[in-house]
Amino acid sequence: MAKKLWSIFEDGELDTCIVTGRTDHIERHHIFGGRMGLKAKSEKYGFIAPLHASVHPNGAFCTDRDWKKIDHTLKRVCQEYYMEHYGTREQWYQEFGKFYDYDLKECEDEAED
């Protein structure tokens, strides 16, 4: 039997893409991946997003050029949700090891300097 996943992004069956609104070719994206047990934390905290295959950042069929923005935005939303419902900024960092409350464009601009 498949594991029952839940999401902070959608109530119900996780069958509609939260980016495109499509209901075909939906993949359940763990916002934080497998390293350091982060996939399990994604499941624990509901950091699962139903995404169409064309916008799934880790998906083999991702065609969206903005996948980095999509991924970063989802991570930032998860951080905000965590700090509203579970713990402090410091506790977030202890669990996830990185902050996402900056604008991705700002980060890319700094890297170019």
N, C-alpha and C. Protein backbone atom coordinates (compact mmCIF):
# COMPACT_ATOMS: atom_id res chain seq x y z
N MET A 1 0.84 -1.18 0.00
CA MET A 1 0.00 0.00 0.00
C MET A 1 0.88 1.25 0.00
N ALA A 2 0.51 2.23 -0.79
CA ALA A 2 1.28 3.47 -0.90
C ALA A 2 1.18 4.28 0.39
N LYS A 3 2.25 5.00 0.68
CA LYS A 3 2.30 5.86 1.84
C LYS A 3 1.34 7.03 1.66
N LYS A 4 0.58 7.35 2.69
CA LYS A 4 -0.36 8.48 2.65
C LYS A 4 0.42 9.75 2.94
N LEU A 5 0.50 10.62 1.94
CA LEU A 5 1.21 11.88 2.09
C LEU A 5 0.21 13.02 2.26
N TRP A 6 0.63 14.06 2.96
CA TRP A 6 -0.20 15.24 3.11
C TRP A 6 0.65 16.46 2.75
N SER A 7 -0.01 17.57 2.52
CA SER A 7 0.70 18.74 2.05
C SER A 7 0.16 20.02 2.68
N ILE A 8 1.07 20.93 2.97
CA ILE A 8 0.65 22.25 3.41
C ILE A 8 0.11 23.07 2.24
N PHE A 9 0.33 22.60 1.03
CA PHE A 9 -0.06 23.34 -0.17
C PHE A 9 -1.45 23.01 -0.68
N GLU A 10 -1.96 21.82 -0.34
CA GLU A 10 -3.26 21.41 -0.87
C GLU A 10 -3.92 20.40 0.06
N ASP A 11 -5.19 20.59 0.30
CA ASP A 11 -5.97 19.61 1.04
C ASP A 11 -6.39 18.51 0.08
N GLY A 12 -6.49 17.32 0.57
CA GLY A 12 -7.05 16.27 -0.28
C GLY A 12 -6.02 15.34 -0.88
N GLU A 13 -6.24 15.00 -2.12
CA GLU A 13 -5.52 13.90 -2.76
C GLU A 13 -4.24 14.27 -3.47
N LEU A 14 -3.83 15.50 -3.45
CA LEU A 14 -2.60 15.94 -4.12
C LEU A 14 -2.63 15.59 -5.61
N ASP A 15 -3.74 15.91 -6.25
CA ASP A 15 -3.89 15.53 -7.65
C ASP A 15 -3.99 16.72 -8.61
N THR A 16 -3.71 17.93 -8.11
CA THR A 16 -3.74 19.12 -8.95
C THR A 16 -2.44 19.90 -8.75
N CYS A 17 -1.77 20.22 -9.85
CA CYS A 17 -0.51 20.96 -9.79
C CYS A 17 -0.75 22.34 -9.17
N ILE A 18 0.05 22.69 -8.18
CA ILE A 18 -0.11 23.99 -7.52
C ILE A 18 0.48 25.13 -8.34
N VAL A 19 1.21 24.83 -9.40
CA VAL A 19 1.79 25.86 -10.26
C VAL A 19 0.94 26.08 -11.50
N THR A 20 0.57 24.99 -12.17
CA THR A 20 -0.13 25.11 -13.46
C THR A 20 -1.63 24.88 -13.36
N GLY A 21 -2.09 24.21 -12.31
CA GLY A 21 -3.50 23.86 -12.18
C GLY A 21 -3.89 22.60 -12.95
N ARG A 22 -2.93 21.99 -13.60
CA ARG A 22 -3.22 20.78 -14.39
C ARG A 22 -3.46 19.58 -13.47
N THR A 23 -4.18 18.61 -14.00
CA THR A 23 -4.46 17.40 -13.22
C THR A 23 -3.90 16.14 -13.87
N ASP A 24 -3.21 16.28 -14.98
CA ASP A 24 -2.59 15.13 -15.64
C ASP A 24 -1.09 15.10 -15.33
N HIS A 25 -0.50 13.94 -15.32
CA HIS A 25 0.94 13.76 -15.11
C HIS A 25 1.44 14.47 -13.84
N ILE A 26 0.74 14.25 -12.74
CA ILE A 26 1.10 14.88 -11.46
C ILE A 26 2.14 14.03 -10.75
N GLU A 27 3.18 14.70 -10.27
CA GLU A 27 4.23 14.07 -9.48
C GLU A 27 4.23 14.72 -8.10
N ARG A 28 4.45 13.93 -7.10
CA ARG A 28 4.48 14.46 -5.73
C ARG A 28 5.93 14.79 -5.37
N HIS A 29 6.19 16.09 -5.33
CA HIS A 29 7.54 16.60 -5.12
C HIS A 29 7.83 16.77 -3.64
N HIS A 30 8.85 16.09 -3.13
CA HIS A 30 9.35 16.33 -1.78
C HIS A 30 10.20 17.59 -1.87
N ILE A 31 9.76 18.64 -1.21
CA ILE A 31 10.43 19.93 -1.33
C ILE A 31 11.90 19.81 -0.93
N PHE A 32 12.17 19.03 0.07
CA PHE A 32 13.55 18.80 0.51
C PHE A 32 13.89 17.35 0.25
N GLY A 33 15.02 17.13 -0.41
CA GLY A 33 15.38 15.81 -0.90
C GLY A 33 15.95 14.86 0.14
N GLY A 34 16.52 13.77 -0.35
CA GLY A 34 16.91 12.65 0.48
C GLY A 34 18.12 12.81 1.36
N ARG A 35 18.98 13.76 1.09
CA ARG A 35 20.20 13.87 1.90
C ARG A 35 19.87 14.30 3.32
N MET A 36 20.61 13.80 4.24
CA MET A 36 20.48 14.14 5.66
C MET A 36 19.07 13.90 6.20
N GLY A 37 18.34 12.97 5.62
CA GLY A 37 17.00 12.66 6.11
C GLY A 37 15.96 13.72 5.79
N LEU A 38 16.25 14.60 4.86
CA LEU A 38 15.32 15.70 4.57
C LEU A 38 14.06 15.22 3.87
N LYS A 39 14.14 14.14 3.12
CA LYS A 39 12.93 13.62 2.48
C LYS A 39 11.91 13.21 3.54
N ALA A 40 12.39 12.55 4.58
CA ALA A 40 11.50 12.14 5.68
C ALA A 40 10.92 13.37 6.39
N LYS A 41 11.71 14.43 6.52
CA LYS A 41 11.21 15.65 7.15
C LYS A 41 10.16 16.31 6.27
N SER A 42 10.34 16.23 4.95
CA SER A 42 9.32 16.76 4.04
C SER A 42 7.99 16.06 4.28
N GLU A 43 8.06 14.74 4.47
CA GLU A 43 6.83 13.98 4.73
C GLU A 43 6.25 14.30 6.10
N LYS A 44 7.09 14.44 7.08
CA LYS A 44 6.64 14.73 8.45
C LYS A 44 5.90 16.06 8.54
N TYR A 45 6.45 17.09 7.89
CA TYR A 45 5.91 18.44 8.01
C TYR A 45 4.93 18.81 6.89
N GLY A 46 4.69 17.90 5.95
CA GLY A 46 3.76 18.19 4.85
C GLY A 46 4.37 19.02 3.74
N PHE A 47 5.68 18.97 3.63
CA PHE A 47 6.37 19.74 2.59
C PHE A 47 6.44 18.91 1.31
N ILE A 48 5.25 18.58 0.82
CA ILE A 48 5.06 17.82 -0.41
C ILE A 48 4.21 18.70 -1.33
N ALA A 49 4.63 18.83 -2.58
CA ALA A 49 3.86 19.64 -3.51
C ALA A 49 3.47 18.82 -4.73
N PRO A 50 2.19 18.80 -5.06
CA PRO A 50 1.78 18.15 -6.30
C PRO A 50 2.15 19.05 -7.48
N LEU A 51 2.99 18.53 -8.37
CA LEU A 51 3.46 19.32 -9.50
C LEU A 51 3.29 18.55 -10.81
N HIS A 52 2.95 19.26 -11.85
CA HIS A 52 2.92 18.66 -13.17
C HIS A 52 4.36 18.30 -13.56
N ALA A 53 4.52 17.24 -14.31
CA ALA A 53 5.86 16.77 -14.68
C ALA A 53 6.70 17.84 -15.36
N SER A 54 6.07 18.78 -16.05
CA SER A 54 6.83 19.82 -16.76
C SER A 54 7.44 20.87 -15.85
N VAL A 55 6.98 20.95 -14.58
CA VAL A 55 7.52 21.93 -13.64
C VAL A 55 8.15 21.29 -12.41
N HIS A 56 8.20 19.98 -12.36
CA HIS A 56 8.80 19.27 -11.22
C HIS A 56 10.31 19.46 -11.27
N PRO A 57 10.89 20.21 -10.31
CA PRO A 57 12.32 20.53 -10.38
C PRO A 57 13.25 19.33 -10.51
N ASN A 58 12.91 18.21 -9.90
CA ASN A 58 13.77 17.03 -9.97
C ASN A 58 13.29 16.03 -11.01
N GLY A 59 12.26 16.39 -11.74
CA GLY A 59 11.65 15.45 -12.66
C GLY A 59 12.39 15.31 -13.98
N ALA A 60 12.30 14.14 -14.55
CA ALA A 60 12.97 13.86 -15.82
C ALA A 60 12.34 14.62 -16.97
N PHE A 61 11.10 15.09 -16.80
CA PHE A 61 10.39 15.76 -17.90
C PHE A 61 10.23 17.25 -17.68
N CYS A 62 11.00 17.82 -16.77
CA CYS A 62 10.88 19.25 -16.47
C CYS A 62 11.30 20.07 -17.69
N THR A 63 10.39 20.90 -18.16
CA THR A 63 10.66 21.76 -19.30
C THR A 63 10.60 23.23 -18.93
N ASP A 64 10.18 23.54 -17.72
CA ASP A 64 10.01 24.92 -17.30
C ASP A 64 11.38 25.53 -16.99
N ARG A 65 11.68 26.63 -17.62
CA ARG A 65 12.97 27.30 -17.39
C ARG A 65 13.07 27.89 -15.99
N ASP A 66 11.94 28.15 -15.38
CA ASP A 66 11.92 28.77 -14.06
C ASP A 66 11.92 27.76 -12.93
N TRP A 67 12.38 26.54 -13.17
CA TRP A 67 12.31 25.51 -12.13
C TRP A 67 13.09 25.90 -10.88
N LYS A 68 14.18 26.65 -11.02
CA LYS A 68 14.93 27.08 -9.84
C LYS A 68 14.10 28.03 -8.99
N LYS A 69 13.39 28.95 -9.65
CA LYS A 69 12.52 29.88 -8.92
C LYS A 69 11.39 29.13 -8.23
N ILE A 70 10.81 28.17 -8.95
CA ILE A 70 9.72 27.37 -8.37
C ILE A 70 10.23 26.64 -7.13
N ASP A 71 11.36 25.99 -7.25
CA ASP A 71 11.94 25.24 -6.14
C ASP A 71 12.25 26.15 -4.96
N HIS A 72 12.88 27.28 -5.22
CA HIS A 72 13.23 28.21 -4.15
C HIS A 72 11.98 28.77 -3.47
N THR A 73 10.99 29.12 -4.25
CA THR A 73 9.74 29.66 -3.70
C THR A 73 9.07 28.63 -2.79
N LEU A 74 9.01 27.38 -3.23
CA LEU A 74 8.42 26.33 -2.40
C LEU A 74 9.19 26.18 -1.09
N LYS A 75 10.51 26.23 -1.15
CA LYS A 75 11.32 26.11 0.06
C LYS A 75 11.11 27.29 0.99
N ARG A 76 10.98 28.47 0.42
CA ARG A 76 10.74 29.66 1.25
C ARG A 76 9.38 29.58 1.94
N VAL A 77 8.36 29.13 1.22
CA VAL A 77 7.03 28.97 1.81
C VAL A 77 7.09 27.94 2.94
N CYS A 78 7.81 26.86 2.74
CA CYS A 78 7.95 25.85 3.79
C CYS A 78 8.62 26.42 5.02
N GLN A 79 9.66 27.21 4.83
CA GLN A 79 10.35 27.83 5.97
C GLN A 79 9.39 28.73 6.74
N GLU A 80 8.64 29.55 6.03
CA GLU A 80 7.68 30.44 6.69
C GLU A 80 6.63 29.64 7.45
N TYR A 81 6.13 28.57 6.83
CA TYR A 81 5.12 27.72 7.47
C TYR A 81 5.69 27.08 8.73
N TYR A 82 6.89 26.57 8.64
CA TYR A 82 7.54 25.94 9.79
C TYR A 82 7.64 26.93 10.95
N MET A 83 8.09 28.13 10.65
CA MET A 83 8.29 29.11 11.73
C MET A 83 6.97 29.61 12.31
N GLU A 84 5.89 29.53 11.55
CA GLU A 84 4.57 29.90 12.07
C GLU A 84 3.94 28.78 12.89
N HIS A 85 4.25 27.52 12.56
CA HIS A 85 3.54 26.40 13.17
C HIS A 85 4.38 25.48 14.05
N TYR A 86 5.67 25.45 13.86
CA TYR A 86 6.48 24.44 14.55
C TYR A 86 7.61 24.97 15.43
N GLY A 87 8.33 25.96 14.98
CA GLY A 87 9.49 26.37 15.76
C GLY A 87 10.07 27.69 15.31
N THR A 88 11.23 27.98 15.84
CA THR A 88 11.90 29.24 15.60
C THR A 88 12.79 29.16 14.36
N ARG A 89 13.33 30.29 13.99
CA ARG A 89 14.28 30.36 12.88
C ARG A 89 15.50 29.48 13.16
N GLU A 90 15.97 29.51 14.39
CA GLU A 90 17.13 28.70 14.77
C GLU A 90 16.81 27.21 14.69
N GLN A 91 15.61 26.83 15.11
CA GLN A 91 15.20 25.42 15.02
C GLN A 91 15.08 24.99 13.56
N TRP A 92 14.57 25.89 12.71
CA TRP A 92 14.53 25.59 11.28
C TRP A 92 15.94 25.27 10.78
N TYR A 93 16.87 26.13 11.12
CA TYR A 93 18.24 25.94 10.64
C TYR A 93 18.83 24.62 11.16
N GLN A 94 18.55 24.29 12.40
CA GLN A 94 19.04 23.02 12.94
C GLN A 94 18.48 21.84 12.18
N GLU A 95 17.24 21.93 11.74
CA GLU A 95 16.62 20.80 11.02
C GLU A 95 16.96 20.78 9.54
N PHE A 96 17.01 21.96 8.90
CA PHE A 96 17.14 22.00 7.45
C PHE A 96 18.47 22.56 6.95
N GLY A 97 19.25 23.19 7.83
CA GLY A 97 20.61 23.59 7.50
C GLY A 97 20.78 24.76 6.55
N LYS A 98 19.72 25.45 6.21
CA LYS A 98 19.82 26.56 5.27
C LYS A 98 18.58 27.43 5.39
N PHE A 99 18.76 28.73 5.13
CA PHE A 99 17.63 29.65 5.12
C PHE A 99 17.23 29.95 3.68
N TYR A 100 15.93 30.15 3.47
CA TYR A 100 15.40 30.44 2.15
C TYR A 100 14.58 31.72 2.13
N ASP A 101 14.76 32.57 3.12
CA ASP A 101 13.93 33.77 3.21
C ASP A 101 14.57 34.96 2.51
N TYR A 102 15.33 34.70 1.48
CA TYR A 102 15.89 35.75 0.64
C TYR A 102 15.29 35.58 -0.76
N ASP A 103 15.38 36.64 -1.53
CA ASP A 103 14.89 36.59 -2.91
C ASP A 103 15.94 35.90 -3.76
N LEU A 104 15.56 34.95 -4.56
CA LEU A 104 16.49 34.20 -5.39
C LEU A 104 17.25 35.12 -6.33
N LYS A 105 16.60 36.15 -6.86
CA LYS A 105 17.26 37.10 -7.77
C LYS A 105 18.38 37.82 -7.05
N GLU A 106 18.15 38.22 -5.79
CA GLU A 106 19.20 38.88 -5.01
C GLU A 106 20.40 37.97 -4.86
N CYS A 107 20.16 36.72 -4.58
CA CYS A 107 21.23 35.75 -4.41
C CYS A 107 22.02 35.58 -5.71
N GLU A 108 21.33 35.50 -6.85
CA GLU A 108 22.00 35.34 -8.14
C GLU A 108 22.81 36.59 -8.47
N ASP A 109 22.27 37.79 -8.14
CA ASP A 109 23.01 39.04 -8.40
C ASP A 109 24.29 39.09 -7.58
N GLU A 110 24.23 38.68 -6.31
CA GLU A 110 25.41 38.68 -5.46
C GLU A 110 26.48 37.74 -5.99
N ALA A 111 26.06 36.60 -6.50
CA ALA A 111 27.00 35.61 -7.02
C ALA A 111 27.73 36.13 -8.26
N GLU A 112 27.09 37.04 -9.02
CA GLU A 112 27.71 37.58 -10.22
C GLU A 112 28.72 38.66 -9.90
N ASP A 113 28.61 39.31 -8.75
CA ASP A 113 29.54 40.40 -8.38
C ASP A 113 30.94 39.89 -8.09
